[in-house]
PDB file of N, CA and C in Angstrom:
ATOM      1  N   MET A   1     165.392-102.649  46.166  1.00  0.00           N
ATOM      2  CA  MET A   1     164.751-101.915  45.088  1.00  0.00           C
ATOM      3  C   MET A   1     165.653-101.863  43.856  1.00  0.00           C
ATOM      4  N   SER A   2     166.947-101.676  44.114  1.00  0.00           N
ATOM      5  CA  SER A   2     167.893-101.601  43.014  1.00  0.00           C
ATOM      6  C   SER A   2     167.990-102.935  42.283  1.00  0.00           C
ATOM      7  N   SER A   3     167.918-104.038  43.024  1.00  0.00           N
ATOM      8  CA  SER A   3     167.997-105.357  42.383  1.00  0.00           C
ATOM      9  C   SER A   3     166.762-105.605  41.519  1.00  0.00           C
ATOM     10  N   LEU A   4     165.613-105.105  41.947  1.00  0.00           N
ATOM     11  CA  LEU A   4     164.393-105.243  41.146  1.00  0.00           C
ATOM     12  C   LEU A   4     164.519-104.475  39.839  1.00  0.00           C
ATOM     13  N   ILE A   5     165.067-103.278  39.897  1.00  0.00           N
ATOM     14  CA  ILE A   5     165.275-102.476  38.685  1.00  0.00           C
ATOM     15  C   ILE A   5     166.278-103.159  37.762  1.00  0.00           C
ATOM     16  N   ASP A   6     167.353-103.693  38.351  1.00  0.00           N
ATOM     17  CA  ASP A   6     168.334-104.411  37.539  1.00  0.00           C
ATOM     18  C   ASP A   6     167.724-105.645  36.887  1.00  0.00           C
ATOM     19  N   LEU A   7     166.885-106.346  37.624  1.00  0.00           N
ATOM     20  CA  LEU A   7     166.215-107.530  37.074  1.00  0.00           C
ATOM     21  C   LEU A   7     165.301-107.147  35.920  1.00  0.00           C
ATOM     22  N   LEU A   8     164.522-106.075  36.102  1.00  0.00           N
ATOM     23  CA  LEU A   8     163.614-105.631  35.036  1.00  0.00           C
ATOM     24  C   LEU A   8     164.384-105.155  33.804  1.00  0.00           C
ATOM     25  N   THR A   9     165.460-104.409  34.012  1.00  0.00           N
ATOM     26  CA  THR A   9     166.231-103.935  32.852  1.00  0.00           C
ATOM     27  C   THR A   9     166.894-105.088  32.122  1.00  0.00           C
ATOM     28  N   SER A  10     167.350-106.097  32.857  1.00  0.00           N
ATOM     29  CA  SER A  10     167.953-107.251  32.172  1.00  0.00           C
ATOM     30  C   SER A  10     166.899-108.029  31.392  1.00  0.00           C
ATOM     31  N   ARG A  11     165.695-108.161  31.956  1.00  0.00           N
ATOM     32  CA  ARG A  11     164.612-108.852  31.235  1.00  0.00           C
ATOM     33  C   ARG A  11     164.193-108.076  29.990  1.00  0.00           C
ATOM     34  N   LEU A  12     164.105-106.764  30.112  1.00  0.00           N
ATOM     35  CA  LEU A  12     163.740-105.949  28.955  1.00  0.00           C
ATOM     36  C   LEU A  12     164.842-105.929  27.908  1.00  0.00           C
ATOM     37  N   ALA A  13     166.090-105.993  28.346  1.00  0.00           N
ATOM     38  CA  ALA A  13     167.202-105.997  27.399  1.00  0.00           C
ATOM     39  C   ALA A  13     167.198-107.256  26.544  1.00  0.00           C
ATOM     40  N   ILE A  14     166.682-108.345  27.085  1.00  0.00           N
ATOM     41  CA  ILE A  14     166.582-109.589  26.313  1.00  0.00           C
ATOM     42  C   ILE A  14     165.635-109.407  25.133  1.00  0.00           C
ATOM     43  N   LEU A  15     164.594-108.619  25.324  1.00  0.00           N
ATOM     44  CA  LEU A  15     163.611-108.405  24.267  1.00  0.00           C
ATOM     45  C   LEU A  15     164.115-107.493  23.157  1.00  0.00           C
ATOM     46  N   LEU A  16     165.117-106.680  23.453  1.00  0.00           N
ATOM     47  CA  LEU A  16     165.652-105.743  22.477  1.00  0.00           C
ATOM     48  C   LEU A  16     166.793-106.388  21.701  1.00  0.00           C
ATOM     49  N   PRO A  17     167.104-105.848  20.540  1.00  0.00           N
ATOM     50  CA  PRO A  17     168.231-106.397  19.774  1.00  0.00           C
ATOM     51  C   PRO A  17     169.531-106.342  20.567  1.00  0.00           C
ATOM     52  N   SER A  18     170.416-107.276  20.277  1.00  0.00           N
ATOM     53  CA  SER A  18     171.639-107.413  21.071  1.00  0.00           C
ATOM     54  C   SER A  18     172.671-106.328  20.781  1.00  0.00           C
ATOM     55  N   GLU A  19     172.466-105.502  19.774  1.00  0.00           N
ATOM     56  CA  GLU A  19     173.463-104.477  19.482  1.00  0.00           C
ATOM     57  C   GLU A  19     173.378-103.276  20.431  1.00  0.00           C
ATOM     58  N   LEU A  20     172.389-103.259  21.331  1.00  0.00           N
ATOM     59  CA  LEU A  20     172.294-102.176  22.311  1.00  0.00           C
ATOM     60  C   LEU A  20     173.203-102.449  23.499  1.00  0.00           C
ATOM     61  N   LYS A  21     173.966-101.435  23.889  1.00  0.00           N
ATOM     62  CA  LYS A  21     174.782-101.520  25.091  1.00  0.00           C
ATOM     63  C   LYS A  21     173.908-101.157  26.288  1.00  0.00           C
ATOM     64  N   PRO A  22     174.271-101.583  27.487  1.00  0.00           N
ATOM     65  CA  PRO A  22     173.432-101.278  28.662  1.00  0.00           C
ATOM     66  C   PRO A  22     173.207 -99.783  28.873  1.00  0.00           C
ATOM     67  N   GLU A  23     174.217 -98.960  28.638  1.00  0.00           N
ATOM     68  CA  GLU A  23     174.019 -97.512  28.832  1.00  0.00           C
ATOM     69  C   GLU A  23     173.101 -96.922  27.759  1.00  0.00           C
ATOM     70  N   GLU A  24     173.125 -97.496  26.559  1.00  0.00           N
ATOM     71  CA  GLU A  24     172.193 -97.049  25.514  1.00  0.00           C
ATOM     72  C   GLU A  24     170.772 -97.465  25.844  1.00  0.00           C
ATOM     73  N   PHE A  25     170.622 -98.645  26.426  1.00  0.00           N
ATOM     74  CA  PHE A  25     169.301 -99.113  26.817  1.00  0.00           C
ATOM     75  C   PHE A  25     168.687 -98.193  27.865  1.00  0.00           C
ATOM     76  N   MET A  26     169.476 -97.776  28.842  1.00  0.00           N
ATOM     77  CA  MET A  26     168.962 -96.886  29.883  1.00  0.00           C
ATOM     78  C   MET A  26     168.575 -95.530  29.302  1.00  0.00           C
ATOM     79  N   LYS A  27     169.285 -95.090  28.266  1.00  0.00           N
ATOM     80  CA  LYS A  27     168.907 -93.828  27.617  1.00  0.00           C
ATOM     81  C   LYS A  27     167.557 -93.955  26.921  1.00  0.00           C
ATOM     82  N   LEU A  28     167.234 -95.143  26.428  1.00  0.00           N
ATOM     83  CA  LEU A  28     165.934 -95.348  25.801  1.00  0.00           C
ATOM     84  C   LEU A  28     164.813 -95.441  26.830  1.00  0.00           C
ATOM     85  N   VAL A  29     165.100 -96.044  27.971  1.00  0.00           N
ATOM     86  CA  VAL A  29     164.072 -96.228  28.993  1.00  0.00           C
ATOM     87  C   VAL A  29     163.698 -94.896  29.632  1.00  0.00           C
ATOM     88  N   ILE A  30     164.678 -94.058  29.891  1.00  0.00           N
ATOM     89  CA  ILE A  30     164.420 -92.756  30.523  1.00  0.00           C
ATOM     90  C   ILE A  30     164.170 -91.730  29.420  1.00  0.00           C
ATOM     91  N   PRO A  31     163.004 -91.076  29.393  1.00  0.00           N
ATOM     92  CA  PRO A  31     162.649 -90.212  28.261  1.00  0.00           C
ATOM     93  C   PRO A  31     163.305 -88.837  28.248  1.00  0.00           C
ATOM     94  N   HIS A  32     164.061 -88.498  29.254  1.00  0.00           N
ATOM     95  CA  HIS A  32     164.689 -87.178  29.292  1.00  0.00           C
ATOM     96  C   HIS A  32     166.006 -87.186  28.519  1.00  0.00           C
ATOM     97  N   ARG A  33     166.334 -86.068  27.958  1.00  0.00           N
ATOM     98  CA  ARG A  33     167.596 -85.858  27.252  1.00  0.00           C
ATOM     99  C   ARG A  33     167.757 -86.750  26.028  1.00  0.00           C
ATOM    100  N   HIS A  34     166.664 -87.025  25.357  1.00  0.00           N
ATOM    101  CA  HIS A  34     166.757 -87.746  24.089  1.00  0.00           C
ATOM    102  C   HIS A  34     167.207 -86.786  22.998  1.00  0.00           C
ATOM    103  N   SER A  35     167.746 -87.354  21.953  1.00  0.00           N
ATOM    104  CA  SER A  35     168.123 -86.522  20.818  1.00  0.00           C
ATOM    105  C   SER A  35     166.852 -86.006  20.134  1.00  0.00           C
ATOM    106  N   MET A  36     166.988 -84.956  19.374  1.00  0.00           N
ATOM    107  CA  MET A  36     165.845 -84.370  18.684  1.00  0.00           C
ATOM    108  C   MET A  36     165.225 -85.368  17.706  1.00  0.00           C
ATOM    109  N   LEU A  37     166.050 -86.150  17.051  1.00  0.00           N
ATOM    110  CA  LEU A  37     165.551 -87.139  16.097  1.00  0.00           C
ATOM    111  C   LEU A  37     164.689 -88.192  16.793  1.00  0.00           C
ATOM    112  N   LEU A  38     165.151 -88.694  17.922  1.00  0.00           N
ATOM    113  CA  LEU A  38     164.386 -89.700  18.657  1.00  0.00           C
ATOM    114  C   LEU A  38     163.102 -89.098  19.229  1.00  0.00           C
ATOM    115  N   THR A  39     163.163 -87.870  19.709  1.00  0.00           N
ATOM    116  CA  THR A  39     161.972 -87.199  20.231  1.00  0.00           C
ATOM    117  C   THR A  39     160.933 -87.006  19.139  1.00  0.00           C
ATOM    118  N   GLN A  40     161.367 -86.601  17.961  1.00  0.00           N
ATOM    119  CA  GLN A  40     160.432 -86.418  16.849  1.00  0.00           C
ATOM    120  C   GLN A  40     159.845 -87.745  16.405  1.00  0.00           C
ATOM    121  N   ARG A  41     160.660 -88.775  16.368  1.00  0.00           N
ATOM    122  CA  ARG A  41     160.165 -90.093  15.965  1.00  0.00           C
ATOM    123  C   ARG A  41     159.137 -90.622  16.962  1.00  0.00           C
ATOM    124  N   ARG A  42     159.399 -90.440  18.251  1.00  0.00           N
ATOM    125  CA  ARG A  42     158.458 -90.872  19.289  1.00  0.00           C
ATOM    126  C   ARG A  42     157.139 -90.117  19.168  1.00  0.00           C
ATOM    127  N   ALA A  43     157.228 -88.805  18.936  1.00  0.00           N
ATOM    128  CA  ALA A  43     156.008 -88.004  18.781  1.00  0.00           C
ATOM    129  C   ALA A  43     155.226 -88.428  17.545  1.00  0.00           C
ATOM    130  N   THR A  44     155.924 -88.743  16.464  1.00  0.00           N
ATOM    131  CA  THR A  44     155.246 -89.197  15.251  1.00  0.00           C
ATOM    132  C   THR A  44     154.532 -90.516  15.487  1.00  0.00           C
ATOM    133  N   LEU A  45     155.168 -91.433  16.203  1.00  0.00           N
ATOM    134  CA  LEU A  45     154.521 -92.709  16.506  1.00  0.00           C
ATOM    135  C   LEU A  45     153.274 -92.526  17.360  1.00  0.00           C
ATOM    136  N   ILE A  46     153.345 -91.640  18.343  1.00  0.00           N
ATOM    137  CA  ILE A  46     152.182 -91.391  19.194  1.00  0.00           C
ATOM    138  C   ILE A  46     151.050 -90.777  18.388  1.00  0.00           C
ATOM    139  N   VAL A  47     151.362 -89.794  17.553  1.00  0.00           N
ATOM    140  CA  VAL A  47     150.333 -89.139  16.738  1.00  0.00           C
ATOM    141  C   VAL A  47     149.701 -90.135  15.767  1.00  0.00           C
ATOM    142  N   ASN A  48     150.509 -90.986  15.168  1.00  0.00           N
ATOM    143  CA  ASN A  48     149.960 -91.971  14.245  1.00  0.00           C
ATOM    144  C   ASN A  48     149.049 -92.964  14.950  1.00  0.00           C
ATOM    145  N   ARG A  49     149.394 -93.342  16.171  1.00  0.00           N
ATOM    146  CA  ARG A  49     148.530 -94.250  16.923  1.00  0.00           C
ATOM    147  C   ARG A  49     147.211 -93.569  17.294  1.00  0.00           C
ATOM    148  N   VAL A  50     147.276 -92.304  17.682  1.00  0.00           N
ATOM    149  CA  VAL A  50     146.046 -91.558  17.990  1.00  0.00           C
ATOM    150  C   VAL A  50     145.168 -91.455  16.751  1.00  0.00           C
ATOM    151  N   ARG A  51     145.786 -91.202  15.600  1.00  0.00           N
ATOM    152  CA  ARG A  51     145.018 -91.090  14.355  1.00  0.00           C
ATOM    153  C   ARG A  51     144.393 -92.433  13.966  1.00  0.00           C
ATOM    154  N   LEU A  52     145.092 -93.543  14.231  1.00  0.00           N
ATOM    155  CA  LEU A  52     144.534 -94.861  13.950  1.00  0.00           C
ATOM    156  C   LEU A  52     143.281 -95.108  14.772  1.00  0.00           C
ATOM    157  N   PHE A  53     143.357 -94.826  16.071  1.00  0.00           N
ATOM    158  CA  PHE A  53     142.189 -95.033  16.921  1.00  0.00           C
ATOM    159  C   PHE A  53     141.078 -94.043  16.590  1.00  0.00           C
ATOM    160  N   ALA A  54     141.430 -92.836  16.206  1.00  0.00           N
ATOM    161  CA  ALA A  54     140.409 -91.868  15.787  1.00  0.00           C
ATOM    162  C   ALA A  54     139.681 -92.379  14.547  1.00  0.00           C
ATOM    163  N   PHE A  55     140.418 -92.968  13.613  1.00  0.00           N
ATOM    164  CA  PHE A  55     139.779 -93.538  12.425  1.00  0.00           C
ATOM    165  C   PHE A  55     138.845 -94.687  12.795  1.00  0.00           C
ATOM    166  N   LEU A  56     139.319 -95.584  13.658  1.00  0.00           N
ATOM    167  CA  LEU A  56     138.481 -96.713  14.059  1.00  0.00           C
ATOM    168  C   LEU A  56     137.195 -96.243  14.736  1.00  0.00           C
ATOM    169  N   PHE A  57     137.305 -95.290  15.654  1.00  0.00           N
ATOM    170  CA  PHE A  57     136.117 -94.809  16.342  1.00  0.00           C
ATOM    171  C   PHE A  57     135.226 -93.972  15.427  1.00  0.00           C
ATOM    172  N   ALA A  58     135.814 -93.254  14.478  1.00  0.00           N
ATOM    173  CA  ALA A  58     134.999 -92.477  13.534  1.00  0.00           C
ATOM    174  C   ALA A  58     134.158 -93.401  12.659  1.00  0.00           C
ATOM    175  N   VAL A  59     134.661 -94.583  12.376  1.00  0.00           N
ATOM    176  CA  VAL A  59     133.908 -95.540  11.553  1.00  0.00           C
ATOM    177  C   VAL A  59     132.937 -96.360  12.409  1.00  0.00           C
ATOM    178  N   LEU A  60     133.396 -96.823  13.554  1.00  0.00           N
ATOM    179  CA  LEU A  60     132.589 -97.749  14.345  1.00  0.00           C
ATOM    180  C   LEU A  60     131.498 -97.067  15.175  1.00  0.00           C
ATOM    181  N   THR A  61     131.680 -95.820  15.535  1.00  0.00           N
ATOM    182  CA  THR A  61     130.672 -95.134  16.350  1.00  0.00           C
ATOM    183  C   THR A  61     129.334 -94.997  15.622  1.00  0.00           C
ATOM    184  N   PRO A  62     129.298 -94.553  14.355  1.00  0.00           N
ATOM    185  CA  PRO A  62     127.995 -94.495  13.682  1.00  0.00           C
ATOM    186  C   PRO A  62     127.409 -95.876  13.388  1.00  0.00           C
ATOM    187  N   VAL A  63     128.262 -96.858  13.182  1.00  0.00           N
ATOM    188  CA  VAL A  63     127.764 -98.205  12.915  1.00  0.00           C
ATOM    189  C   VAL A  63     127.019 -98.745  14.125  1.00  0.00           C
ATOM    190  N   TRP A  64     127.469 -98.390  15.317  1.00  0.00           N
ATOM    191  CA  TRP A  64     126.796 -98.819  16.533  1.00  0.00           C
ATOM    192  C   TRP A  64     125.386 -98.227  16.605  1.00  0.00           C
ATOM    193  N   GLY A  65     125.153 -97.133  15.903  1.00  0.00           N
ATOM    194  CA  GLY A  65     123.809 -96.552  15.848  1.00  0.00           C
ATOM    195  C   GLY A  65     122.789 -97.490  15.230  1.00  0.00           C
ATOM    196  N   LEU A  66     123.229 -98.380  14.366  1.00  0.00           N
ATOM    197  CA  LEU A  66     122.312 -99.377  13.800  1.00  0.00           C
ATOM    198  C   LEU A  66     121.811-100.336  14.870  1.00  0.00           C
ATOM    199  N   ILE A  67     122.661-100.684  15.794  1.00  0.00           N
ATOM    200  CA  ILE A  67     122.234-101.535  16.910  1.00  0.00           C
ATOM    201  C   ILE A  67     121.268-100.767  17.797  1.00  0.00           C
ATOM    202  N   ASP A  68     121.547 -99.484  18.021  1.00  0.00           N
ATOM    203  CA  ASP A  68     120.615 -98.652  18.791  1.00  0.00           C
ATOM    204  C   ASP A  68     119.251 -98.605  18.129  1.00  0.00           C
ATOM    205  N   LEU A  69     119.224 -98.539  16.803  1.00  0.00           N
ATOM    206  CA  LEU A  69     117.961 -98.497  16.060  1.00  0.00           C
ATOM    207  C   LEU A  69     117.141 -99.757  16.306  1.00  0.00           C
ATOM    208  N   MET A  70     117.805-100.889  16.385  1.00  0.00           N
ATOM    209  CA  MET A  70     117.091-102.146  16.596  1.00  0.00           C
ATOM    210  C   MET A  70     116.631-102.329  18.041  1.00  0.00           C
ATOM    211  N   VAL A  71     117.331-101.710  18.994  1.00  0.00           N
ATOM    212  CA  VAL A  71     117.065-101.981  20.402  1.00  0.00           C
ATOM    213  C   VAL A  71     116.168-100.929  21.049  1.00  0.00           C
ATOM    214  N   PHE A  72     116.358 -99.657  20.724  1.00  0.00           N
ATOM    215  CA  PHE A  72     115.675 -98.582  21.442  1.00  0.00           C
ATOM    216  C   PHE A  72     114.515 -98.009  20.632  1.00  0.00           C
ATOM    217  N   THR A  73     113.639 -97.321  21.330  1.00  0.00           N
ATOM    218  CA  THR A  73     112.487 -96.680  20.684  1.00  0.00           C
ATOM    219  C   THR A  73     112.946 -95.411  19.968  1.00  0.00           C
ATOM    220  N   TYR A  74     112.016 -94.835  19.186  1.00  0.00           N
ATOM    221  CA  TYR A  74     112.356 -93.710  18.311  1.00  0.00           C
ATOM    222  C   TYR A  74     112.970 -92.508  19.025  1.00  0.00           C
ATOM    223  N   PRO A  75     112.371 -91.936  20.055  1.00  0.00           N
ATOM    224  CA  PRO A  75     112.977 -90.711  20.613  1.00  0.00           C
ATOM    225  C   PRO A  75     114.361 -90.956  21.218  1.00  0.00           C
ATOM    226  N   LEU A  76     114.511 -92.078  21.899  1.00  0.00           N
ATOM    227  CA  LEU A  76     115.802 -92.369  22.505  1.00  0.00           C
ATOM    228  C   LEU A  76     116.850 -92.658  21.434  1.00  0.00           C
ATOM    229  N   TRP A  77     116.473 -93.405  20.418  1.00  0.00           N
ATOM    230  CA  TRP A  77     117.402 -93.726  19.337  1.00  0.00           C
ATOM    231  C   TRP A  77     117.875 -92.461  18.625  1.00  0.00           C
ATOM    232  N   LEU A  78     116.955 -91.529  18.389  1.00  0.00           N
ATOM    233  CA  LEU A  78     117.322 -90.289  17.707  1.00  0.00           C
ATOM    234  C   LEU A  78     118.328 -89.479  18.525  1.00  0.00           C
ATOM    235  N   GLY A  79     118.113 -89.393  19.820  1.00  0.00           N
ATOM    236  CA  GLY A  79     119.062 -88.679  20.679  1.00  0.00           C
ATOM    237  C   GLY A  79     120.430 -89.342  20.691  1.00  0.00           C
ATOM    238  N   LEU A  80     120.450 -90.662  20.798  1.00  0.00           N
ATOM    239  CA  LEU A  80     121.713 -91.384  20.783  1.00  0.00           C
ATOM    240  C   LEU A  80     122.422 -91.231  19.440  1.00  0.00           C
ATOM    241  N   ALA A  81     121.658 -91.284  18.359  1.00  0.00           N
ATOM    242  CA  ALA A  81     122.253 -91.141  17.023  1.00  0.00           C
ATOM    243  C   ALA A  81     122.851 -89.744  16.844  1.00  0.00           C
ATOM    244  N   THR A  82     122.177 -88.746  17.374  1.00  0.00           N
ATOM    245  CA  THR A  82     122.700 -87.382  17.283  1.00  0.00           C
ATOM    246  C   THR A  82     124.044 -87.256  17.991  1.00  0.00           C
ATOM    247  N   PHE A  83     124.103 -87.783  19.210  1.00  0.00           N
ATOM    248  CA  PHE A  83     125.362 -87.702  19.957  1.00  0.00           C
ATOM    249  C   PHE A  83     126.439 -88.583  19.341  1.00  0.00           C
ATOM    250  N   ARG A  84     126.042 -89.688  18.751  1.00  0.00           N
ATOM    251  CA  ARG A  84     127.026 -90.537  18.072  1.00  0.00           C
ATOM    252  C   ARG A  84     127.606 -89.821  16.848  1.00  0.00           C
ATOM    253  N   LEU A  85     126.784 -89.097  16.125  1.00  0.00           N
ATOM    254  CA  LEU A  85     127.287 -88.345  14.970  1.00  0.00           C
ATOM    255  C   LEU A  85     128.201 -87.201  15.402  1.00  0.00           C
ATOM    256  N   LEU A  86     127.878 -86.575  16.522  1.00  0.00           N
ATOM    257  CA  LEU A  86     128.770 -85.536  17.055  1.00  0.00           C
ATOM    258  C   LEU A  86     130.118 -86.124  17.475  1.00  0.00           C
ATOM    259  N   ALA A  87     130.073 -87.285  18.115  1.00  0.00           N
ATOM    260  CA  ALA A  87     131.317 -87.954  18.486  1.00  0.00           C
ATOM    261  C   ALA A  87     132.102 -88.367  17.250  1.00  0.00           C
ATOM    262  N   CYS A  88     131.391 -88.822  16.233  1.00  0.00           N
ATOM    263  CA  CYS A  88     132.041 -89.197  14.971  1.00  0.00           C
ATOM    264  C   CYS A  88     132.722 -87.982  14.342  1.00  0.00           C
ATOM    265  N   ALA A  89     132.072 -86.835  14.384  1.00  0.00           N
ATOM    266  CA  ALA A  89     132.672 -85.612  13.852  1.00  0.00           C
ATOM    267  C   ALA A  89     133.917 -85.219  14.646  1.00  0.00           C
ATOM    268  N   ALA A  90     133.886 -85.414  15.969  1.00  0.00           N
ATOM    269  CA  ALA A  90     135.063 -85.106  16.791  1.00  0.00           C
ATOM    270  C   ALA A  90     136.226 -86.034  16.439  1.00  0.00           C
ATOM    271  N   PHE A  91     135.940 -87.308  16.253  1.00  0.00           N
ATOM    272  CA  PHE A  91     137.000 -88.244  15.864  1.00  0.00           C
ATOM    273  C   PHE A  91     137.524 -87.925  14.467  1.00  0.00           C
ATOM    274  N   ALA A  92     136.644 -87.512  13.569  1.00  0.00           N
ATOM    275  CA  ALA A  92     137.092 -87.141  12.221  1.00  0.00           C
ATOM    276  C   ALA A  92     137.982 -85.901  12.280  1.00  0.00           C
ATOM    277  N   CYS A  93     137.664 -84.964  13.157  1.00  0.00           N
ATOM    278  CA  CYS A  93     138.527 -83.786  13.318  1.00  0.00           C
ATOM    279  C   CYS A  93     139.901 -84.191  13.832  1.00  0.00           C
ATOM    280  N   LEU A  94     139.934 -85.123  14.785  1.00  0.00           N
ATOM    281  CA  LEU A  94     141.228 -85.624  15.247  1.00  0.00           C
ATOM    282  C   LEU A  94     142.004 -86.267  14.109  1.00  0.00           C
ATOM    283  N   LEU A  95     141.291 -86.978  13.268  1.00  0.00           N
ATOM    284  CA  LEU A  95     141.937 -87.692  12.179  1.00  0.00           C
ATOM    285  C   LEU A  95     142.489 -86.745  11.119  1.00  0.00           C
ATOM    286  N   PHE A  96     141.702 -85.750  10.742  1.00  0.00           N
ATOM    287  CA  PHE A  96     142.086 -84.921   9.607  1.00  0.00           C
ATOM    288  C   PHE A  96     142.854 -83.661   9.976  1.00  0.00           C
ATOM    289  N   TYR A  97     142.701 -83.161  11.203  1.00  0.00           N
ATOM    290  CA  TYR A  97     143.293 -81.870  11.523  1.00  0.00           C
ATOM    291  C   TYR A  97     144.500 -81.938  12.441  1.00  0.00           C
ATOM    292  N   ILE A  98     144.932 -83.125  12.847  1.00  0.00           N
ATOM    293  CA  ILE A  98     146.184 -83.229  13.597  1.00  0.00           C
ATOM    294  C   ILE A  98     147.315 -83.269  12.589  1.00  0.00           C
ATOM    295  N   ASP A  99     148.251 -82.367  12.749  1.00  0.00           N
ATOM    296  CA  ASP A  99     149.398 -82.320  11.856  1.00  0.00           C
ATOM    297  C   ASP A  99     150.586 -82.951  12.574  1.00  0.00           C
ATOM    298  N   PRO A 100     151.005 -84.148  12.150  1.00  0.00           N
ATOM    299  CA  PRO A 100     152.105 -84.814  12.858  1.00  0.00           C
ATOM    300  C   PRO A 100     153.394 -84.009  12.847  1.00  0.00           C
ATOM    301  N   VAL A 101     153.646 -83.261  11.795  1.00  0.00           N
ATOM    302  CA  VAL A 101     154.887 -82.475  11.707  1.00  0.00           C
ATOM    303  C   VAL A 101     154.862 -81.357  12.752  1.00  0.00           C
ATOM    304  N   ALA A 102     153.722 -80.703  12.898  1.00  0.00           N
ATOM    305  CA  ALA A 102     153.626 -79.619  13.889  1.00  0.00           C
ATOM    306  C   ALA A 102     153.764 -80.152  15.308  1.00  0.00           C
ATOM    307  N   ILE A 103     153.208 -81.317  15.570  1.00  0.00           N
ATOM    308  CA  ILE A 103     153.330 -81.923  16.896  1.00  0.00           C
ATOM    309  C   ILE A 103     154.791 -82.264  17.180  1.00  0.00           C
ATOM    310  N   CYS A 104     155.483 -82.776  16.185  1.00  0.00           N
ATOM    311  CA  CYS A 104     156.876 -83.178  16.377  1.00  0.00           C
ATOM    312  C   CYS A 104     157.792 -81.988  16.627  1.00  0.00           C
ATOM    313  N   LEU A 105     157.441 -80.837  16.100  1.00  0.00           N
ATOM    314  CA  LEU A 105     158.303 -79.666  16.239  1.00  0.00           C
ATOM    315  C   LEU A 105     157.997 -78.847  17.484  1.00  0.00           C
ATOM    316  N   MET A 106     156.971 -79.248  18.254  1.00  0.00           N
ATOM    317  CA  MET A 106     156.646 -78.520  19.478  1.00  0.00           C
ATOM    318  C   MET A 106     157.771 -78.721  20.487  1.00  0.00           C
ATOM    319  N   PRO A 107     158.100 -77.683  21.246  1.00  0.00           N
ATOM    320  CA  PRO A 107     159.151 -77.848  22.242  1.00  0.00           C
ATOM    321  C   PRO A 107     158.670 -78.747  23.378  1.00  0.00           C
ATOM    322  N   THR A 108     159.575 -79.542  23.911  1.00  0.00           N
ATOM    323  CA  THR A 108     159.230 -80.427  25.013  1.00  0.00           C
ATOM    324  C   THR A 108     159.609 -79.766  26.325  1.00  0.00           C
ATOM    325  N   VAL A 109     158.842 -80.069  27.353  1.00  0.00           N
ATOM    326  CA  VAL A 109     159.114 -79.533  28.675  1.00  0.00           C
ATOM    327  C   VAL A 109     159.945 -80.553  29.445  1.00  0.00           C
ATOM    328  N   PRO A 110     161.103 -80.177  29.951  1.00  0.00           N
ATOM    329  CA  PRO A 110     161.949 -81.163  30.656  1.00  0.00           C
ATOM    330  C   PRO A 110     161.367 -81.558  31.984  1.00  0.00           C
TER     331      PRO A 110
END
């Protein structure tokens, strides 16, 4: 098992820049005991990725309603369009009301 972990870490180390020492690489792989700066940066990246997907789904979900209009009859299409607009509103709330700074400053549980 240990040789498998060593093999994986050596393969992953090849993908990273050569200025990382092996002990620094292990600190990056294991998420515990990171510095506050690295923890905040990681949280910011996660929040930004969530906001990107929220934007994509907020735009694409109502557009899919046009396909529903062409395929389904009136009562079914109206119900689907209603739920699609509700989902679009939920994605828009994720997009506009997530504060990346507040997420980054939340305490982490070890």
